[in-house]
Amino acid sequence: MPFQMNKVLLTGANGFLGREIIKTLEDKLEFTTLSRNSGDYQVCLDKETPNFKDNFNLVIHAAGKAHSIAKTENQKQEFFEINVIGTQNLLLGLERSNVPDFFVFISSVSVYGEDFGYNIDEEHILGAKDPYGLSKIEAEKIIMRWCAKNNVICTILRLPLLVGQSPPGNLGAMIRAIEKGYYFNIGGGKARKSMVLAKDVASFIQQVVPVGGIFNLSDGFNPNFNELSLAISQNRKKRKPLNLPNTMAIFMGKLGDLLGPNAPINSLKVKKINSDLTFSDNKARRLLNWTPQSVIDYINKNRI
């Protein structure tokens, strides 16, 4: 059977990337969806093992608790339960019905545990110490062992900030701040950060599945905050973002240090904002001709 006719199980189908995967590939792949409250299978993977009545050639595991700062022990535990226990339950459910030929896991560059760095590649040590990064490392290990044991071709995609229509998280907050006129860059917004279009990740999945492997994905341009905020401002026909001098930001960070963990900004956050953090996608380019669209180019042509 040609690969494009394979039956696919997609977990996290209602998530930002999950919706983009369906939108991009629904005319090429036959999707069965799994989500907490909707879809073909409505399952809380952290609490139950799914009972699959269908057979799948490919599983795309995009479900999980998204990156956030865990402030309580319960929030830390949620990362383990959803990202690790949820993965274990999914794999057990597949074993009880049928084992797929291919498995794709949506992971994160957070596994590297770095707040600063340039062109970090897939060989970099997995040094995460935060609950989210640790849960992704553990899920990766579980999946790789399971795939090896069951002779499944395994793909792990380590993704940075995802960009697309109505994005969640920090990018969504940035867009809202620009819309309302209170966004500002720090120190000229010169720090470069890796990001990638969700639609390009979706397209890459079909290409990488028969090969397998671990891949960082980015747009290769790694825009800085000034370039990104300016593109969004022009896209939304808003004024150019203001700039907060570094000296003022450093002072505010030190004040936040004194106020404690609930302060909106501290010295570490200021340092992160002012530091490059980029990831190399050379492996995907070299092996699979990964040619993504620039995030800035996309924003210039599409409302996000």
Protein backbone atom coordinates (compact mmCIF):
# COMPACT_ATOMS: atom_id res chain seq x y z
CA MET A 1 0.00 0.00 0.00
CA PRO A 2 1.44 3.45 -0.87
CA PHE A 3 2.55 5.40 2.15
CA GLN A 4 0.14 8.27 1.46
CA MET A 5 -2.79 5.87 1.94
CA ASN A 6 -1.74 4.80 5.43
CA LYS A 7 -4.14 5.05 8.34
CA VAL A 8 -2.87 7.49 10.95
CA LEU A 9 -3.63 7.92 14.64
CA LEU A 10 -3.05 11.51 15.75
CA THR A 11 -3.04 12.29 19.47
CA GLY A 12 -3.45 15.87 20.60
CA ALA A 13 -5.61 16.47 17.54
CA ASN A 14 -7.21 19.57 19.08
CA GLY A 15 -3.88 21.21 19.91
CA PHE A 16 -2.24 23.98 17.91
CA LEU A 17 0.08 21.64 16.01
CA GLY A 18 -2.46 18.82 15.83
CA ARG A 19 -4.96 21.02 14.00
CA GLU A 20 -2.25 22.15 11.59
CA ILE A 21 -1.20 18.55 10.90
CA ILE A 22 -4.76 17.64 9.91
CA LYS A 23 -5.20 20.80 7.83
CA THR A 24 -1.94 20.20 5.94
CA LEU A 25 -2.16 16.44 5.42
CA GLU A 26 -5.87 15.51 5.45
CA ASP A 27 -5.94 15.10 1.66
CA LYS A 28 -2.97 12.72 1.79
CA LEU A 29 -3.49 10.68 4.96
CA GLU A 30 -6.50 9.07 6.60
CA PHE A 31 -6.67 10.40 10.16
CA THR A 32 -8.17 8.91 13.29
CA THR A 33 -8.02 11.42 16.12
CA LEU A 34 -7.51 11.09 19.84
CA SER A 35 -8.13 13.96 22.25
CA ARG A 36 -9.43 14.51 25.76
CA ASN A 37 -12.88 15.83 24.93
CA SER A 38 -13.46 15.25 21.22
CA GLY A 39 -12.37 13.18 18.26
CA ASP A 40 -12.71 9.53 17.33
CA TYR A 41 -11.21 8.45 20.65
CA GLN A 42 -11.92 10.63 23.69
CA VAL A 43 -9.27 9.55 26.18
CA CYS A 44 -7.34 11.16 29.02
CA LEU A 45 -4.09 9.34 28.39
CA ASP A 46 -2.64 10.24 31.78
CA LYS A 47 -5.52 8.41 33.48
CA GLU A 48 -6.46 5.53 31.20
CA THR A 49 -5.17 3.15 28.55
CA PRO A 50 -7.02 3.54 25.25
CA ASN A 51 -8.90 0.59 23.80
CA PHE A 52 -8.26 0.86 20.07
CA LYS A 53 -10.68 -0.81 17.67
CA ASP A 54 -8.71 0.33 14.62
CA ASN A 55 -5.33 -0.59 13.20
CA PHE A 56 -2.82 2.15 12.38
CA ASN A 57 0.25 2.17 10.19
CA LEU A 58 1.44 5.48 11.62
CA VAL A 59 1.02 7.11 15.03
CA ILE A 60 1.76 10.82 15.51
CA HIS A 61 1.93 11.55 19.22
CA ALA A 62 1.39 15.29 19.60
CA ALA A 63 -0.57 15.19 22.86
CA GLY A 64 1.06 16.56 25.98
CA LYS A 65 1.17 19.32 28.54
CA ALA A 66 2.64 22.41 26.91
CA HIS A 67 5.68 24.28 28.19
CA SER A 68 5.00 26.52 31.18
CA ILE A 69 6.70 27.45 34.45
CA ALA A 70 5.63 25.02 37.17
CA LYS A 71 5.11 26.97 40.40
CA THR A 72 3.66 24.20 42.59
CA GLU A 73 4.38 20.55 43.19
CA ASN A 74 1.03 19.65 41.62
CA GLN A 75 1.96 21.52 38.45
CA LYS A 76 5.31 19.73 38.35
CA GLN A 77 3.56 16.39 38.76
CA GLU A 78 1.19 17.20 35.90
CA PHE A 79 4.11 17.26 33.46
CA PHE A 80 5.10 13.75 34.52
CA GLU A 81 1.56 12.39 34.48
CA ILE A 82 0.55 13.85 31.11
CA ASN A 83 3.82 13.64 29.18
CA VAL A 84 5.27 10.43 30.65
CA ILE A 85 2.39 8.33 32.02
CA GLY A 86 0.25 9.46 29.08
CA THR A 87 2.89 8.20 26.65
CA GLN A 88 3.19 4.87 28.47
CA ASN A 89 -0.59 4.37 28.36
CA LEU A 90 -0.69 5.15 24.64
CA LEU A 91 2.02 2.60 23.90
CA LEU A 92 0.29 -0.02 26.04
CA GLY A 93 -2.96 0.57 24.18
CA LEU A 94 -1.17 0.11 20.86
CA GLU A 95 0.41 -3.13 22.05
CA ARG A 96 -3.02 -4.47 22.98
CA SER A 97 -4.46 -3.78 19.52
CA ASN A 98 -1.70 -3.58 16.93
CA VAL A 99 1.78 -2.12 16.71
CA PRO A 100 2.19 0.50 13.96
CA ASP A 101 4.98 0.52 11.39
CA PHE A 102 5.94 4.13 12.14
CA PHE A 103 5.83 6.37 15.21
CA VAL A 104 6.39 10.14 15.36
CA PHE A 105 6.84 11.92 18.69
CA ILE A 106 6.52 15.68 18.96
CA SER A 107 9.22 16.67 21.44
CA SER A 108 10.85 20.00 22.26
CA VAL A 109 14.22 21.75 22.18
CA SER A 110 13.62 22.16 25.92
CA VAL A 111 15.23 18.72 26.35
CA TYR A 112 18.64 20.39 25.90
CA GLY A 113 18.08 22.49 29.01
CA GLU A 114 19.77 25.56 27.60
CA ASP A 115 18.71 29.18 28.09
CA PHE A 116 21.53 30.52 25.92
CA GLY A 117 23.43 29.11 22.97
CA TYR A 118 23.88 29.18 19.22
CA ASN A 119 23.16 26.44 16.66
CA ILE A 120 22.64 23.68 19.23
CA ASP A 121 22.37 20.37 17.35
CA GLU A 122 20.90 16.93 18.02
CA GLU A 123 24.16 15.63 19.52
CA HIS A 124 24.02 18.15 22.36
CA ILE A 125 23.65 16.68 25.84
CA LEU A 126 20.08 16.43 27.15
CA GLY A 127 20.57 18.69 30.15
CA ALA A 128 17.05 19.81 31.05
CA LYS A 129 16.37 20.23 34.77
CA ASP A 130 12.89 21.75 34.67
CA PRO A 131 9.79 19.50 34.93
CA TYR A 132 8.70 20.06 31.32
CA GLY A 133 12.10 19.32 29.80
CA LEU A 134 12.63 16.32 32.04
CA SER A 135 9.21 14.90 31.11
CA LYS A 136 10.04 15.22 27.40
CA ILE A 137 13.40 13.48 27.89
CA GLU A 138 11.75 10.60 29.73
CA ALA A 139 9.01 10.30 27.08
CA GLU A 140 11.65 10.23 24.32
CA LYS A 141 13.52 7.40 26.07
CA ILE A 142 10.36 5.37 26.62
CA ILE A 143 9.33 5.74 22.97
CA MET A 144 12.77 4.88 21.57
CA ARG A 145 13.00 1.73 23.71
CA TRP A 146 9.47 0.69 22.73
CA CYS A 147 10.07 1.29 19.03
CA ALA A 148 13.33 -0.67 19.12
CA LYS A 149 11.65 -3.57 20.90
CA ASN A 150 8.73 -3.66 18.46
CA ASN A 151 10.70 -2.93 15.26
CA VAL A 152 8.90 0.38 14.70
CA ILE A 153 10.58 3.18 12.72
CA CYS A 154 10.83 6.03 15.21
CA THR A 155 10.95 9.77 14.52
CA ILE A 156 11.47 12.41 17.21
CA LEU A 157 10.98 16.05 16.26
CA ARG A 158 12.48 18.57 18.70
CA LEU A 159 10.66 21.82 18.07
CA PRO A 160 11.25 25.42 19.14
CA LEU A 161 8.54 28.11 19.25
CA LEU A 162 5.73 27.23 16.83
CA VAL A 163 4.25 29.93 14.60
CA GLY A 164 0.99 29.95 12.69
CA GLN A 165 -2.59 31.21 12.77
CA SER A 166 -3.71 32.26 16.29
CA PRO A 167 -0.67 30.83 18.10
CA PRO A 168 -0.84 30.05 21.84
CA GLY A 169 1.72 30.71 24.57
CA ASN A 170 4.34 33.42 24.53
CA LEU A 171 3.83 34.32 20.88
CA GLY A 172 0.10 34.71 21.38
CA ALA A 173 0.77 36.94 24.39
CA MET A 174 3.21 39.01 22.32
CA ILE A 175 0.61 39.52 19.57
CA ARG A 176 -2.02 40.62 22.12
CA ALA A 177 0.45 43.05 23.73
CA ILE A 178 1.27 44.56 20.33
CA GLU A 179 -2.45 44.83 19.53
CA LYS A 180 -3.07 46.72 22.77
CA GLY A 181 0.01 48.91 22.38
CA TYR A 182 1.96 47.93 25.48
CA TYR A 183 4.61 45.61 24.01
CA PHE A 184 8.22 46.77 24.13
CA ASN A 185 11.57 45.27 23.22
CA ILE A 186 14.46 45.18 25.65
CA GLY A 187 17.85 46.50 24.59
CA GLY A 188 16.76 46.86 20.98
CA GLY A 189 15.38 43.30 20.77
CA LYS A 190 18.62 41.97 19.29
CA ALA A 191 18.53 38.44 20.73
CA ARG A 192 17.82 35.73 18.15
CA LYS A 193 15.51 32.82 18.93
CA SER A 194 14.69 29.73 16.89
CA MET A 195 11.11 29.27 15.71
CA VAL A 196 9.35 27.33 12.99
CA LEU A 197 6.05 27.36 11.14
CA ALA A 198 3.60 24.69 12.26
CA LYS A 199 2.59 24.07 8.64
CA ASP A 200 6.20 23.27 7.70
CA VAL A 201 6.50 20.81 10.57
CA ALA A 202 3.30 19.12 9.38
CA SER A 203 4.62 18.83 5.82
CA PHE A 204 7.95 17.44 7.04
CA ILE A 205 6.25 14.61 8.91
CA GLN A 206 5.21 12.76 5.77
CA GLN A 207 8.72 13.12 4.38
CA VAL A 208 10.58 11.94 7.48
CA VAL A 209 8.35 9.04 8.55
CA PRO A 210 9.87 6.34 6.28
CA VAL A 211 13.38 7.33 7.38
CA GLY A 212 13.08 8.00 11.11
CA GLY A 213 15.59 9.67 13.41
CA ILE A 214 15.90 12.66 15.72
CA PHE A 215 15.63 16.11 14.17
CA ASN A 216 15.67 19.71 15.31
CA LEU A 217 13.46 21.88 13.12
CA SER A 218 13.61 25.66 12.74
CA ASP A 219 13.05 28.21 9.99
CA GLY A 220 16.85 28.61 9.71
CA PHE A 221 16.57 32.39 9.94
CA ASN A 222 16.15 32.64 13.72
CA PRO A 223 14.62 36.14 13.87
CA ASN A 224 15.35 38.49 16.72
CA PHE A 225 12.66 40.10 18.85
CA ASN A 226 12.86 43.38 16.95
CA GLU A 227 12.35 41.69 13.57
CA LEU A 228 9.51 39.57 14.89
CA SER A 229 7.68 42.35 16.72
CA LEU A 230 8.08 44.75 13.79
CA ALA A 231 6.64 42.19 11.36
CA ILE A 232 3.66 41.55 13.65
CA SER A 233 3.09 45.29 14.15
CA GLN A 234 3.04 45.89 10.42
CA ASN A 235 0.84 42.84 9.93
CA ARG A 236 -1.69 44.22 12.42
CA LYS A 237 -1.23 47.83 11.30
CA LYS A 238 -0.04 48.87 14.75
CA ARG A 239 2.67 51.33 15.70
CA LYS A 240 6.29 50.26 15.89
CA PRO A 241 7.07 48.64 19.28
CA LEU A 242 8.77 50.76 21.91
CA ASN A 243 12.20 49.92 23.33
CA LEU A 244 13.24 49.60 26.98
CA PRO A 245 16.94 50.34 27.53
CA ASN A 246 19.00 47.50 28.99
CA THR A 247 19.95 49.54 32.03
CA MET A 248 16.29 49.98 32.95
CA ALA A 249 15.54 46.29 32.31
CA ILE A 250 18.46 45.20 34.51
CA PHE A 251 17.24 47.47 37.29
CA MET A 252 13.71 46.05 37.01
CA GLY A 253 15.15 42.52 37.05
CA LYS A 254 17.02 43.18 40.27
CA LEU A 255 13.89 44.65 41.80
CA GLY A 256 12.04 41.50 40.78
CA ASP A 257 14.73 39.39 42.48
CA LEU A 258 13.87 41.15 45.75
CA LEU A 259 10.14 40.67 45.28
CA GLY A 260 10.45 36.89 44.93
CA PRO A 261 9.23 34.14 42.57
CA ASN A 262 5.88 35.78 41.79
CA ALA A 263 7.49 38.88 40.27
CA PRO A 264 6.70 39.26 36.53
CA ILE A 265 10.39 39.83 35.74
CA ASN A 266 13.72 39.04 37.40
CA SER A 267 17.40 39.09 36.50
CA LEU A 268 17.33 35.61 34.96
CA LYS A 269 14.41 36.52 32.69
CA VAL A 270 16.19 39.68 31.57
CA LYS A 271 19.29 37.65 30.78
CA LYS A 272 17.25 35.10 28.79
CA ILE A 273 15.53 37.83 26.79
CA ASN A 274 18.88 39.41 25.94
CA SER A 275 20.62 36.15 24.94
CA ASP A 276 20.60 34.21 21.67
CA LEU A 277 19.10 30.73 21.80
CA THR A 278 19.13 29.01 18.42
CA PHE A 279 19.06 25.41 17.25
CA SER A 280 20.64 23.87 14.17
CA ASP A 281 18.36 22.28 11.56
CA ASN A 282 21.33 21.26 9.37
CA LYS A 283 20.62 17.55 9.82
CA ALA A 284 17.12 17.88 8.36
CA ARG A 285 18.42 20.07 5.54
CA ARG A 286 21.27 17.69 4.72
CA LEU A 287 19.39 14.40 4.89
CA LEU A 288 15.87 15.34 3.82
CA ASN A 289 16.17 18.65 1.98
CA TRP A 290 14.31 20.55 4.72
CA THR A 291 13.51 23.94 3.15
CA PRO A 292 11.13 25.79 5.48
CA GLN A 293 9.64 29.21 4.92
CA SER A 294 11.02 32.11 6.95
CA VAL A 295 8.71 32.99 9.83
CA ILE A 296 9.12 36.69 9.05
CA ASP A 297 8.25 36.10 5.39
CA TYR A 298 5.13 34.19 6.45
CA ILE A 299 4.00 36.95 8.83
CA ASN A 300 4.55 39.56 6.14
CA LYS A 301 2.14 37.67 3.88
CA ASN A 302 -0.39 36.22 6.35
CA ARG A 303 -2.30 37.51 9.34
CA ILE A 304 -1.43 35.45 12.43
